[in-house]
Amino acid sequence: MQFIKNLVRDEAGATAIEYGLIAALIAVAAIAAMQGLGNQLSSTFTTVSTKMANGNK
């Protein structure tokens, strides 16, 4: 019976799960931000490459 009482009071597992969820949320936000930046950077390099090939300033 004492084991069950201790198990109910133990919050270490819940804290670990919360930290894991926070880390996952941060990872998803970072990936989304990097994808948007990557698309913009690709577009910039394409524009620069086209202008260099055409001799435009």
Protein backbone atom coordinates (compact mmCIF):
# COMPACT_ATOMS: atom_id res chain seq x y z
CA MET A 1 0.00 0.00 0.00
CA GLN A 2 2.85 2.36 0.80
CA PHE A 3 4.29 1.75 -2.67
CA ILE A 4 1.09 2.96 -4.34
CA LYS A 5 1.01 6.10 -2.17
CA ASN A 6 4.60 6.88 -3.11
CA LEU A 7 3.88 6.24 -6.77
CA VAL A 8 0.94 8.65 -6.76
CA ARG A 9 3.02 11.39 -5.08
CA ASP A 10 6.02 10.96 -7.42
CA GLU A 11 5.99 13.73 -10.04
CA ALA A 12 9.42 13.14 -11.58
CA GLY A 13 7.95 11.28 -14.58
CA ALA A 14 5.42 14.03 -15.25
CA THR A 15 8.16 16.67 -15.13
CA ALA A 16 10.29 14.71 -17.60
CA ILE A 17 7.34 14.41 -19.98
CA GLU A 18 6.66 18.15 -19.74
CA TYR A 19 10.28 18.95 -20.56
CA GLY A 20 10.13 16.56 -23.49
CA LEU A 21 7.00 18.25 -24.85
CA ILE A 22 8.59 21.69 -24.51
CA ALA A 23 11.72 20.49 -26.33
CA ALA A 24 9.58 19.01 -29.12
CA LEU A 25 7.66 22.28 -29.49
CA ILE A 26 10.88 24.28 -29.71
CA ALA A 27 12.25 21.85 -32.31
CA VAL A 28 9.11 22.16 -34.47
CA ALA A 29 9.28 25.98 -34.28
CA ALA A 30 12.98 25.97 -35.20
CA ILE A 31 12.40 23.67 -38.18
CA ALA A 32 9.57 25.85 -39.45
CA ALA A 33 11.68 29.00 -39.13
CA MET A 34 14.63 27.39 -40.90
CA GLN A 35 12.45 26.20 -43.77
CA GLY A 36 11.11 29.72 -44.33
CA LEU A 37 14.61 31.17 -44.19
CA GLY A 38 15.91 28.48 -46.54
CA ASN A 39 13.26 29.28 -49.16
CA GLN A 40 14.04 32.99 -48.97
CA LEU A 41 17.79 32.35 -49.19
CA SER A 42 17.32 30.08 -52.20
CA SER A 43 15.29 32.77 -53.95
CA THR A 44 17.99 35.37 -53.24
CA PHE A 45 20.75 33.18 -54.65
CA THR A 46 18.67 32.44 -57.75
CA THR A 47 18.14 36.17 -58.33
CA VAL A 48 21.84 36.94 -57.87
CA SER A 49 22.85 34.09 -60.17
CA THR A 50 20.44 35.22 -62.89
CA LYS A 51 21.65 38.81 -62.72
CA MET A 52 25.29 37.74 -62.86
CA ALA A 53 24.62 35.52 -65.86
CA ASN A 54 22.84 38.36 -67.69
CA GLY A 55 25.40 40.99 -66.72
CA ASN A 56 22.77 43.09 -64.89
CA LYS A 57 23.59 45.23 -61.93
